[in-house]
Amino acid sequence: MGAVMPVSKRAHEGYLLLDHRDSPGVPDDIAAPFGMPAGSGRGLFEAATFTCSHCEFVVVLNPDRTRERAWCKKCDHYLCDGCGLKYAQDFICFPFKARIAELASKTP
């Protein structure tokens, strides 16, 4: 039997492609409140993404970000900044899929 290879954190990434080459695009002041980096609303924009394990929010990874991303050691996934802050306070892992399963079990 061979050794089990660890899964890279990058294995959890998705991909976003926005193509505004044939449109006037979206100004930064409109795109920024939706978590989009500056310049993402003009021309061709490509970025890696991840889905927060705890709330299912899709996060566009900003390549210029310098601070570390939140990581839940219990479910082994990245967390959005909001869930990362909550996890740092109480260390409770309650993934979205577990929330759905809990609600489904309570349905008559």
N, C-alpha and C. Protein backbone atom coordinates (compact mmCIF):
# COMPACT_ATOMS: atom_id res chain seq x y z
N MET A 1 0.84 -1.19 0.00
CA MET A 1 0.00 0.00 0.00
C MET A 1 0.88 1.25 0.00
N GLY A 2 0.50 2.21 -0.79
CA GLY A 2 1.27 3.45 -0.87
C GLY A 2 0.84 4.43 0.20
N ALA A 3 1.65 5.45 0.38
CA ALA A 3 1.35 6.50 1.35
C ALA A 3 0.24 7.39 0.80
N VAL A 4 -0.60 7.89 1.68
CA VAL A 4 -1.68 8.79 1.30
C VAL A 4 -1.09 10.19 1.13
N MET A 5 -1.30 10.77 -0.03
CA MET A 5 -0.78 12.11 -0.30
C MET A 5 -1.73 13.15 0.26
N PRO A 6 -1.21 14.16 0.97
CA PRO A 6 -2.08 15.21 1.49
C PRO A 6 -2.67 16.04 0.34
N VAL A 7 -3.87 16.53 0.54
CA VAL A 7 -4.53 17.36 -0.46
C VAL A 7 -4.08 18.80 -0.26
N SER A 8 -3.69 19.44 -1.34
CA SER A 8 -3.26 20.83 -1.29
C SER A 8 -4.46 21.73 -1.01
N LYS A 9 -4.22 22.84 -0.32
CA LYS A 9 -5.29 23.81 -0.10
C LYS A 9 -5.80 24.36 -1.42
N ARG A 10 -4.94 24.39 -2.43
CA ARG A 10 -5.35 24.89 -3.75
C ARG A 10 -6.35 23.98 -4.42
N ALA A 11 -6.47 22.74 -3.96
CA ALA A 11 -7.44 21.80 -4.53
C ALA A 11 -8.87 22.26 -4.28
N HIS A 12 -9.06 23.17 -3.31
CA HIS A 12 -10.38 23.68 -2.97
C HIS A 12 -10.77 24.91 -3.80
N GLU A 13 -9.86 25.39 -4.64
CA GLU A 13 -10.11 26.62 -5.39
C GLU A 13 -11.03 26.41 -6.58
N GLY A 14 -11.76 27.47 -6.89
CA GLY A 14 -12.56 27.54 -8.10
C GLY A 14 -11.95 28.58 -9.02
N TYR A 15 -12.69 28.99 -10.03
CA TYR A 15 -12.16 29.91 -11.04
C TYR A 15 -13.27 30.85 -11.49
N LEU A 16 -12.91 32.13 -11.62
CA LEU A 16 -13.85 33.15 -12.09
C LEU A 16 -13.26 33.86 -13.30
N LEU A 17 -14.05 33.99 -14.34
CA LEU A 17 -13.65 34.73 -15.53
C LEU A 17 -14.75 35.75 -15.83
N LEU A 18 -14.38 37.03 -15.87
CA LEU A 18 -15.30 38.10 -16.24
C LEU A 18 -14.76 38.74 -17.50
N ASP A 19 -15.59 38.79 -18.52
CA ASP A 19 -15.16 39.35 -19.80
C ASP A 19 -16.00 40.58 -20.12
N HIS A 20 -15.41 41.75 -19.94
CA HIS A 20 -16.08 43.02 -20.23
C HIS A 20 -15.43 43.70 -21.44
N ARG A 21 -14.77 42.92 -22.28
CA ARG A 21 -14.07 43.51 -23.42
C ARG A 21 -15.02 44.15 -24.43
N ASP A 22 -16.27 43.69 -24.49
CA ASP A 22 -17.22 44.24 -25.44
C ASP A 22 -18.30 45.07 -24.75
N SER A 23 -17.99 45.58 -23.56
CA SER A 23 -18.97 46.41 -22.85
C SER A 23 -18.22 47.55 -22.15
N PRO A 24 -18.96 48.54 -21.70
CA PRO A 24 -18.28 49.63 -20.99
C PRO A 24 -17.74 49.20 -19.63
N GLY A 25 -18.17 48.05 -19.13
CA GLY A 25 -17.65 47.55 -17.86
C GLY A 25 -18.41 48.08 -16.66
N VAL A 26 -17.84 47.81 -15.49
CA VAL A 26 -18.44 48.20 -14.22
C VAL A 26 -17.42 49.03 -13.45
N PRO A 27 -17.79 50.22 -12.99
CA PRO A 27 -16.84 51.05 -12.24
C PRO A 27 -16.44 50.39 -10.91
N ASP A 28 -15.24 50.70 -10.44
CA ASP A 28 -14.74 50.12 -9.19
C ASP A 28 -15.63 50.42 -8.00
N ASP A 29 -16.25 51.60 -7.95
CA ASP A 29 -17.09 51.94 -6.80
C ASP A 29 -18.36 51.09 -6.73
N ILE A 30 -18.74 50.47 -7.82
CA ILE A 30 -19.89 49.56 -7.83
C ILE A 30 -19.42 48.13 -7.56
N ALA A 31 -18.28 47.74 -8.10
CA ALA A 31 -17.77 46.37 -7.94
C ALA A 31 -17.22 46.11 -6.54
N ALA A 32 -16.60 47.10 -5.91
CA ALA A 32 -15.94 46.92 -4.60
C ALA A 32 -16.87 46.44 -3.50
N PRO A 33 -18.10 46.96 -3.37
CA PRO A 33 -18.98 46.47 -2.30
C PRO A 33 -19.34 44.99 -2.43
N PHE A 34 -19.13 44.41 -3.61
CA PHE A 34 -19.41 43.00 -3.83
C PHE A 34 -18.16 42.14 -3.64
N GLY A 35 -17.10 42.74 -3.10
CA GLY A 35 -15.88 42.00 -2.82
C GLY A 35 -14.96 41.84 -4.00
N MET A 36 -15.18 42.60 -5.05
CA MET A 36 -14.36 42.47 -6.24
C MET A 36 -13.16 43.43 -6.17
N PRO A 37 -11.98 42.97 -6.59
CA PRO A 37 -10.80 43.83 -6.58
C PRO A 37 -10.92 44.96 -7.61
N ALA A 38 -10.14 46.01 -7.40
CA ALA A 38 -10.11 47.13 -8.35
C ALA A 38 -9.73 46.64 -9.73
N GLY A 39 -10.42 47.14 -10.74
CA GLY A 39 -10.14 46.77 -12.12
C GLY A 39 -10.86 45.52 -12.61
N SER A 40 -11.57 44.84 -11.73
CA SER A 40 -12.23 43.59 -12.12
C SER A 40 -13.42 43.82 -13.03
N GLY A 41 -13.94 45.02 -13.07
CA GLY A 41 -15.12 45.31 -13.89
C GLY A 41 -14.80 45.80 -15.28
N ARG A 42 -13.51 45.82 -15.64
CA ARG A 42 -13.11 46.31 -16.96
C ARG A 42 -12.25 45.27 -17.66
N GLY A 43 -12.42 45.14 -18.96
CA GLY A 43 -11.59 44.23 -19.74
C GLY A 43 -11.81 42.78 -19.36
N LEU A 44 -10.72 42.02 -19.33
CA LEU A 44 -10.76 40.60 -19.01
C LEU A 44 -10.18 40.41 -17.61
N PHE A 45 -10.96 39.80 -16.72
CA PHE A 45 -10.53 39.58 -15.35
C PHE A 45 -10.63 38.10 -15.02
N GLU A 46 -9.54 37.53 -14.53
CA GLU A 46 -9.51 36.13 -14.12
C GLU A 46 -9.00 36.06 -12.69
N ALA A 47 -9.60 35.19 -11.88
CA ALA A 47 -9.16 35.05 -10.49
C ALA A 47 -9.56 33.69 -9.95
N ALA A 48 -8.80 33.24 -8.99
CA ALA A 48 -9.15 32.03 -8.25
C ALA A 48 -10.23 32.40 -7.24
N THR A 49 -11.05 31.43 -6.87
CA THR A 49 -12.10 31.64 -5.87
C THR A 49 -12.08 30.46 -4.90
N PHE A 50 -12.77 30.65 -3.78
CA PHE A 50 -13.06 29.52 -2.91
C PHE A 50 -14.43 29.77 -2.30
N THR A 51 -15.08 28.69 -1.89
CA THR A 51 -16.39 28.78 -1.25
C THR A 51 -16.20 28.52 0.23
N CYS A 52 -16.65 29.45 1.06
CA CYS A 52 -16.54 29.31 2.51
C CYS A 52 -17.30 28.06 2.95
N SER A 53 -16.65 27.23 3.70
CA SER A 53 -17.25 25.98 4.15
C SER A 53 -18.38 26.20 5.15
N HIS A 54 -18.33 27.31 5.88
CA HIS A 54 -19.31 27.54 6.93
C HIS A 54 -20.55 28.29 6.48
N CYS A 55 -20.45 29.10 5.40
CA CYS A 55 -21.63 29.87 4.97
C CYS A 55 -21.91 29.78 3.47
N GLU A 56 -21.04 29.12 2.71
CA GLU A 56 -21.19 28.93 1.26
C GLU A 56 -21.03 30.23 0.46
N PHE A 57 -20.43 31.26 1.04
CA PHE A 57 -20.15 32.50 0.32
C PHE A 57 -18.95 32.27 -0.59
N VAL A 58 -19.05 32.69 -1.85
CA VAL A 58 -17.94 32.53 -2.78
C VAL A 58 -17.04 33.76 -2.67
N VAL A 59 -15.76 33.53 -2.38
CA VAL A 59 -14.78 34.59 -2.18
C VAL A 59 -13.85 34.64 -3.38
N VAL A 60 -13.70 35.83 -3.96
CA VAL A 60 -12.75 36.04 -5.06
C VAL A 60 -11.40 36.35 -4.41
N LEU A 61 -10.40 35.54 -4.72
CA LEU A 61 -9.09 35.72 -4.11
C LEU A 61 -8.37 36.91 -4.74
N ASN A 62 -8.00 37.85 -3.91
CA ASN A 62 -7.27 39.02 -4.35
C ASN A 62 -5.78 38.68 -4.31
N PRO A 63 -5.10 38.68 -5.46
CA PRO A 63 -3.69 38.30 -5.47
C PRO A 63 -2.80 39.28 -4.69
N ASP A 64 -3.29 40.48 -4.43
CA ASP A 64 -2.51 41.49 -3.70
C ASP A 64 -2.70 41.42 -2.19
N ARG A 65 -3.56 40.52 -1.73
CA ARG A 65 -3.81 40.40 -0.28
C ARG A 65 -2.55 39.90 0.42
N THR A 66 -2.24 40.53 1.57
CA THR A 66 -1.03 40.14 2.30
C THR A 66 -1.35 39.40 3.60
N ARG A 67 -2.53 39.63 4.16
CA ARG A 67 -2.86 38.94 5.42
C ARG A 67 -3.34 37.53 5.13
N GLU A 68 -3.15 36.67 6.10
CA GLU A 68 -3.46 35.25 5.94
C GLU A 68 -4.97 35.03 5.89
N ARG A 69 -5.38 34.04 5.11
CA ARG A 69 -6.79 33.65 5.04
C ARG A 69 -7.12 32.73 6.20
N ALA A 70 -8.37 32.81 6.65
CA ALA A 70 -8.82 31.94 7.74
C ALA A 70 -8.96 30.51 7.23
N TRP A 71 -8.55 29.56 8.05
CA TRP A 71 -8.60 28.14 7.69
C TRP A 71 -9.16 27.38 8.88
N CYS A 72 -10.19 26.58 8.66
CA CYS A 72 -10.78 25.77 9.72
C CYS A 72 -10.07 24.42 9.73
N LYS A 73 -9.38 24.14 10.81
CA LYS A 73 -8.65 22.88 10.92
C LYS A 73 -9.59 21.69 11.11
N LYS A 74 -10.80 21.96 11.57
CA LYS A 74 -11.75 20.88 11.84
C LYS A 74 -12.38 20.35 10.56
N CYS A 75 -12.79 21.25 9.65
CA CYS A 75 -13.39 20.79 8.39
C CYS A 75 -12.40 20.87 7.23
N ASP A 76 -11.20 21.40 7.50
CA ASP A 76 -10.11 21.44 6.53
C ASP A 76 -10.47 22.26 5.29
N HIS A 77 -11.05 23.46 5.50
CA HIS A 77 -11.42 24.34 4.40
C HIS A 77 -11.14 25.79 4.77
N TYR A 78 -11.02 26.62 3.72
CA TYR A 78 -10.92 28.06 3.91
C TYR A 78 -12.25 28.61 4.41
N LEU A 79 -12.17 29.74 5.12
CA LEU A 79 -13.35 30.45 5.59
C LEU A 79 -13.31 31.88 5.07
N CYS A 80 -14.49 32.46 4.83
CA CYS A 80 -14.56 33.88 4.48
C CYS A 80 -14.13 34.69 5.71
N ASP A 81 -13.90 35.98 5.54
CA ASP A 81 -13.43 36.80 6.66
C ASP A 81 -14.42 36.83 7.82
N GLY A 82 -15.72 36.88 7.53
CA GLY A 82 -16.74 36.91 8.59
C GLY A 82 -16.75 35.62 9.40
N CYS A 83 -16.78 34.49 8.73
CA CYS A 83 -16.78 33.20 9.43
C CYS A 83 -15.43 32.95 10.10
N GLY A 84 -14.35 33.44 9.49
CA GLY A 84 -13.03 33.31 10.08
C GLY A 84 -12.92 34.05 11.40
N LEU A 85 -13.53 35.23 11.46
CA LEU A 85 -13.54 36.00 12.71
C LEU A 85 -14.33 35.27 13.79
N LYS A 86 -15.49 34.74 13.42
CA LYS A 86 -16.31 34.00 14.39
C LYS A 86 -15.58 32.75 14.86
N TYR A 87 -14.94 32.03 13.94
CA TYR A 87 -14.22 30.81 14.29
C TYR A 87 -13.04 31.12 15.23
N ALA A 88 -12.37 32.24 15.01
CA ALA A 88 -11.25 32.63 15.87
C ALA A 88 -11.71 32.95 17.29
N GLN A 89 -12.98 33.33 17.44
CA GLN A 89 -13.53 33.67 18.76
C GLN A 89 -14.00 32.45 19.52
N ASP A 90 -14.65 31.49 18.84
CA ASP A 90 -15.25 30.37 19.56
C ASP A 90 -14.74 28.98 19.13
N PHE A 91 -13.99 28.89 18.04
CA PHE A 91 -13.44 27.64 17.52
C PHE A 91 -14.51 26.56 17.29
N ILE A 92 -15.73 27.02 16.97
CA ILE A 92 -16.81 26.09 16.66
C ILE A 92 -16.90 25.93 15.15
N CYS A 93 -16.80 24.69 14.69
CA CYS A 93 -16.91 24.38 13.27
C CYS A 93 -18.34 23.88 13.02
N PHE A 94 -19.08 24.66 12.24
CA PHE A 94 -20.46 24.27 11.90
C PHE A 94 -20.64 24.52 10.41
N PRO A 95 -20.14 23.60 9.57
CA PRO A 95 -20.21 23.80 8.12
C PRO A 95 -21.65 23.90 7.61
N PHE A 96 -21.79 24.55 6.48
CA PHE A 96 -23.10 24.76 5.88
C PHE A 96 -23.82 23.45 5.63
N LYS A 97 -23.11 22.43 5.18
CA LYS A 97 -23.73 21.13 4.90
C LYS A 97 -24.29 20.52 6.19
N ALA A 98 -23.63 20.74 7.32
CA ALA A 98 -24.15 20.23 8.60
C ALA A 98 -25.41 21.00 9.00
N ARG A 99 -25.44 22.30 8.69
CA ARG A 99 -26.64 23.11 8.98
C ARG A 99 -27.84 22.60 8.18
N ILE A 100 -27.61 22.30 6.91
CA ILE A 100 -28.68 21.78 6.06
C ILE A 100 -29.17 20.43 6.58
N ALA A 101 -28.23 19.56 6.94
CA ALA A 101 -28.60 18.24 7.45
C ALA A 101 -29.41 18.37 8.74
N GLU A 102 -29.02 19.31 9.60
CA GLU A 102 -29.74 19.53 10.86
C GLU A 102 -31.17 20.01 10.58
N LEU A 103 -31.30 20.95 9.66
CA LEU A 103 -32.64 21.45 9.31
C LEU A 103 -33.48 20.36 8.66
N ALA A 104 -32.88 19.55 7.82
CA ALA A 104 -33.61 18.48 7.15
C ALA A 104 -34.11 17.44 8.14
N SER A 105 -33.33 17.19 9.19
CA SER A 105 -33.73 16.19 10.19
C SER A 105 -34.88 16.70 11.05
N LYS A 106 -35.07 18.02 11.12
CA LYS A 106 -36.15 18.60 11.91
C LYS A 106 -37.45 18.73 11.13
N THR A 107 -37.37 18.56 9.81
CA THR A 107 -38.56 18.69 8.95
C THR A 107 -39.44 17.45 9.09
N PRO A 108 -40.75 17.66 9.34
CA PRO A 108 -41.65 16.52 9.52
C PRO A 108 -41.87 15.74 8.25
